[in-house]
Amino acid sequence: MIDPKTPGQWQEAVDSAYGALVLESAKAYGLLTGGPVVNVDRCEKILRRGARRGIYPAPDAIEKFAVELVQPNPS
């Protein structure tokens, strides 16, 4: 995986990592089933590295992550 380069890319990575961890927590508590497989260690690493750069999850990170699950952007 290529590391983000710009602050905007880091923000997207941090927001996605945070959203993925929330999804994984909901699955662990039995609130959700299915969805993508979450690499918890990678997500936590992204959050730590983002924090060292002063980048933290945006207030709407979970909502944006949920929308992407339902309506992914074509690449």
N, C-alpha and C. Protein backbone atom coordinates (compact mmCIF):
# COMPACT_ATOMS: atom_id res chain seq x y z
N MET A 1 0.85 -1.18 0.00
CA MET A 1 0.00 0.00 0.00
C MET A 1 0.89 1.24 0.00
N ILE A 2 0.52 2.21 -0.79
CA ILE A 2 1.27 3.46 -0.89
C ILE A 2 0.78 4.42 0.17
N ASP A 3 1.71 5.04 0.88
CA ASP A 3 1.34 6.01 1.92
C ASP A 3 0.74 7.26 1.29
N PRO A 4 -0.21 7.88 1.98
CA PRO A 4 -0.73 9.16 1.53
C PRO A 4 0.39 10.19 1.48
N LYS A 5 0.27 11.14 0.58
CA LYS A 5 1.31 12.17 0.42
C LYS A 5 0.87 13.53 0.94
N THR A 6 -0.34 13.92 0.60
CA THR A 6 -0.82 15.26 0.94
C THR A 6 -1.66 15.22 2.22
N PRO A 7 -1.84 16.37 2.86
CA PRO A 7 -2.72 16.40 4.04
C PRO A 7 -4.14 15.92 3.72
N GLY A 8 -4.63 16.24 2.54
CA GLY A 8 -5.96 15.78 2.15
C GLY A 8 -6.03 14.27 2.02
N GLN A 9 -4.99 13.67 1.45
CA GLN A 9 -4.95 12.22 1.35
C GLN A 9 -4.86 11.58 2.72
N TRP A 10 -4.07 12.20 3.61
CA TRP A 10 -3.99 11.67 4.98
C TRP A 10 -5.34 11.76 5.67
N GLN A 11 -6.06 12.87 5.45
CA GLN A 11 -7.38 13.01 6.07
C GLN A 11 -8.31 11.91 5.60
N GLU A 12 -8.30 11.63 4.30
CA GLU A 12 -9.15 10.56 3.76
C GLU A 12 -8.77 9.21 4.36
N ALA A 13 -7.47 8.95 4.48
CA ALA A 13 -7.01 7.67 5.04
C ALA A 13 -7.42 7.54 6.51
N VAL A 14 -7.25 8.61 7.27
CA VAL A 14 -7.60 8.59 8.69
C VAL A 14 -9.11 8.40 8.86
N ASP A 15 -9.88 9.13 8.08
CA ASP A 15 -11.34 9.01 8.16
C ASP A 15 -11.79 7.59 7.81
N SER A 16 -11.21 7.02 6.76
CA SER A 16 -11.57 5.66 6.35
C SER A 16 -11.17 4.64 7.41
N ALA A 17 -9.99 4.80 7.97
CA ALA A 17 -9.53 3.88 9.01
C ALA A 17 -10.46 3.94 10.22
N TYR A 18 -10.84 5.13 10.60
CA TYR A 18 -11.74 5.30 11.73
C TYR A 18 -13.11 4.66 11.44
N GLY A 19 -13.64 4.91 10.27
CA GLY A 19 -14.92 4.32 9.89
C GLY A 19 -14.85 2.81 9.88
N ALA A 20 -13.75 2.26 9.38
CA ALA A 20 -13.59 0.81 9.34
C ALA A 20 -13.53 0.22 10.74
N LEU A 21 -12.85 0.91 11.66
CA LEU A 21 -12.79 0.41 13.04
C LEU A 21 -14.16 0.46 13.72
N VAL A 22 -14.93 1.48 13.44
CA VAL A 22 -16.29 1.56 13.99
C VAL A 22 -17.14 0.41 13.43
N LEU A 23 -17.00 0.16 12.14
CA LEU A 23 -17.71 -0.96 11.53
C LEU A 23 -17.32 -2.27 12.21
N GLU A 24 -16.03 -2.48 12.40
CA GLU A 24 -15.55 -3.71 13.03
C GLU A 24 -16.08 -3.84 14.46
N SER A 25 -16.14 -2.74 15.18
CA SER A 25 -16.68 -2.76 16.54
C SER A 25 -18.16 -3.14 16.53
N ALA A 26 -18.90 -2.59 15.60
CA ALA A 26 -20.33 -2.93 15.50
C ALA A 26 -20.51 -4.41 15.19
N LYS A 27 -19.65 -4.96 14.34
CA LYS A 27 -19.73 -6.40 14.04
C LYS A 27 -19.36 -7.21 15.28
N ALA A 28 -18.36 -6.78 16.02
CA ALA A 28 -17.93 -7.51 17.22
C ALA A 28 -19.03 -7.55 18.28
N TYR A 29 -19.83 -6.49 18.35
CA TYR A 29 -20.93 -6.44 19.32
C TYR A 29 -22.21 -7.08 18.79
N GLY A 30 -22.15 -7.60 17.57
CA GLY A 30 -23.31 -8.27 17.00
C GLY A 30 -24.35 -7.32 16.44
N LEU A 31 -24.01 -6.06 16.27
CA LEU A 31 -24.96 -5.08 15.75
C LEU A 31 -25.08 -5.15 14.24
N LEU A 32 -24.04 -5.64 13.58
CA LEU A 32 -24.02 -5.77 12.12
C LEU A 32 -23.42 -7.11 11.74
N THR A 33 -23.78 -7.56 10.56
CA THR A 33 -23.14 -8.74 9.99
C THR A 33 -22.71 -8.41 8.58
N GLY A 34 -21.70 -9.11 8.10
CA GLY A 34 -21.24 -8.89 6.74
C GLY A 34 -20.36 -7.65 6.63
N GLY A 35 -20.23 -7.19 5.41
CA GLY A 35 -19.38 -6.04 5.16
C GLY A 35 -17.95 -6.46 4.88
N PRO A 36 -17.10 -5.48 4.62
CA PRO A 36 -15.72 -5.79 4.27
C PRO A 36 -14.94 -6.33 5.46
N VAL A 37 -13.89 -7.08 5.16
CA VAL A 37 -12.98 -7.54 6.19
C VAL A 37 -12.10 -6.35 6.58
N VAL A 38 -11.97 -6.09 7.86
CA VAL A 38 -11.23 -4.93 8.35
C VAL A 38 -9.88 -5.38 8.89
N ASN A 39 -8.82 -4.75 8.42
CA ASN A 39 -7.48 -4.99 8.95
C ASN A 39 -7.29 -4.01 10.11
N VAL A 40 -7.62 -4.47 11.30
CA VAL A 40 -7.61 -3.60 12.49
C VAL A 40 -6.22 -3.03 12.74
N ASP A 41 -5.19 -3.86 12.64
CA ASP A 41 -3.83 -3.37 12.89
C ASP A 41 -3.46 -2.25 11.93
N ARG A 42 -3.79 -2.41 10.66
CA ARG A 42 -3.48 -1.37 9.66
C ARG A 42 -4.25 -0.08 9.96
N CYS A 43 -5.52 -0.22 10.32
CA CYS A 43 -6.32 0.97 10.65
C CYS A 43 -5.74 1.70 11.84
N GLU A 44 -5.36 0.96 12.87
CA GLU A 44 -4.78 1.60 14.06
C GLU A 44 -3.47 2.28 13.72
N LYS A 45 -2.68 1.67 12.85
CA LYS A 45 -1.41 2.26 12.43
C LYS A 45 -1.65 3.58 11.67
N ILE A 46 -2.63 3.58 10.78
CA ILE A 46 -2.96 4.80 10.03
C ILE A 46 -3.40 5.90 11.00
N LEU A 47 -4.22 5.56 11.98
CA LEU A 47 -4.67 6.56 12.94
C LEU A 47 -3.50 7.12 13.75
N ARG A 48 -2.58 6.26 14.17
CA ARG A 48 -1.40 6.74 14.92
C ARG A 48 -0.53 7.65 14.06
N ARG A 49 -0.29 7.22 12.83
CA ARG A 49 0.57 8.01 11.95
C ARG A 49 -0.10 9.34 11.57
N GLY A 50 -1.40 9.32 11.39
CA GLY A 50 -2.12 10.56 11.12
C GLY A 50 -2.04 11.50 12.31
N ALA A 51 -2.21 10.97 13.51
CA ALA A 51 -2.17 11.79 14.72
C ALA A 51 -0.80 12.45 14.88
N ARG A 52 0.26 11.74 14.52
CA ARG A 52 1.60 12.34 14.59
C ARG A 52 1.72 13.53 13.64
N ARG A 53 0.89 13.55 12.61
CA ARG A 53 0.87 14.66 11.65
C ARG A 53 -0.20 15.70 12.01
N GLY A 54 -0.88 15.48 13.12
CA GLY A 54 -1.93 16.41 13.53
C GLY A 54 -3.24 16.19 12.81
N ILE A 55 -3.43 15.01 12.24
CA ILE A 55 -4.64 14.71 11.48
C ILE A 55 -5.46 13.68 12.25
N TYR A 56 -6.70 14.04 12.54
CA TYR A 56 -7.60 13.20 13.33
C TYR A 56 -8.89 12.99 12.55
N PRO A 57 -9.67 11.96 12.89
CA PRO A 57 -10.92 11.72 12.16
C PRO A 57 -11.84 12.95 12.19
N ALA A 58 -12.42 13.23 11.04
CA ALA A 58 -13.38 14.32 10.93
C ALA A 58 -14.67 13.94 11.66
N PRO A 59 -15.44 14.92 12.10
CA PRO A 59 -16.69 14.61 12.79
C PRO A 59 -17.66 13.75 11.97
N ASP A 60 -17.59 13.86 10.64
CA ASP A 60 -18.50 13.08 9.79
C ASP A 60 -17.83 11.87 9.15
N ALA A 61 -16.70 11.42 9.71
CA ALA A 61 -15.96 10.30 9.12
C ALA A 61 -16.79 9.03 9.02
N ILE A 62 -17.55 8.73 10.04
CA ILE A 62 -18.35 7.50 10.04
C ILE A 62 -19.44 7.58 8.97
N GLU A 63 -20.08 8.72 8.86
CA GLU A 63 -21.13 8.88 7.87
C GLU A 63 -20.57 8.74 6.45
N LYS A 64 -19.41 9.37 6.20
CA LYS A 64 -18.80 9.28 4.87
C LYS A 64 -18.40 7.83 4.56
N PHE A 65 -17.88 7.13 5.57
CA PHE A 65 -17.50 5.74 5.37
C PHE A 65 -18.72 4.89 5.03
N ALA A 66 -19.81 5.10 5.72
CA ALA A 66 -21.05 4.34 5.47
C ALA A 66 -21.57 4.60 4.07
N VAL A 67 -21.52 5.83 3.61
CA VAL A 67 -21.98 6.14 2.26
C VAL A 67 -21.10 5.43 1.23
N GLU A 68 -19.80 5.40 1.46
CA GLU A 68 -18.89 4.72 0.54
C GLU A 68 -19.17 3.22 0.48
N LEU A 69 -19.61 2.62 1.58
CA LEU A 69 -19.95 1.20 1.57
C LEU A 69 -21.15 0.94 0.66
N VAL A 70 -22.09 1.86 0.67
CA VAL A 70 -23.31 1.69 -0.10
C VAL A 70 -23.13 2.14 -1.55
N GLN A 71 -22.39 3.24 -1.74
CA GLN A 71 -22.20 3.83 -3.06
C GLN A 71 -20.72 4.07 -3.31
N PRO A 72 -19.93 3.03 -3.55
CA PRO A 72 -18.50 3.25 -3.75
C PRO A 72 -18.22 4.07 -5.01
N ASN A 73 -17.18 4.88 -4.93
CA ASN A 73 -16.75 5.67 -6.10
C ASN A 73 -16.05 4.75 -7.09
N PRO A 74 -16.40 4.83 -8.36
CA PRO A 74 -15.69 4.01 -9.36
C PRO A 74 -14.26 4.54 -9.52
N SER A 75 -13.32 3.62 -9.64
CA SER A 75 -11.91 4.02 -9.80
C SER A 75 -11.46 3.87 -11.22
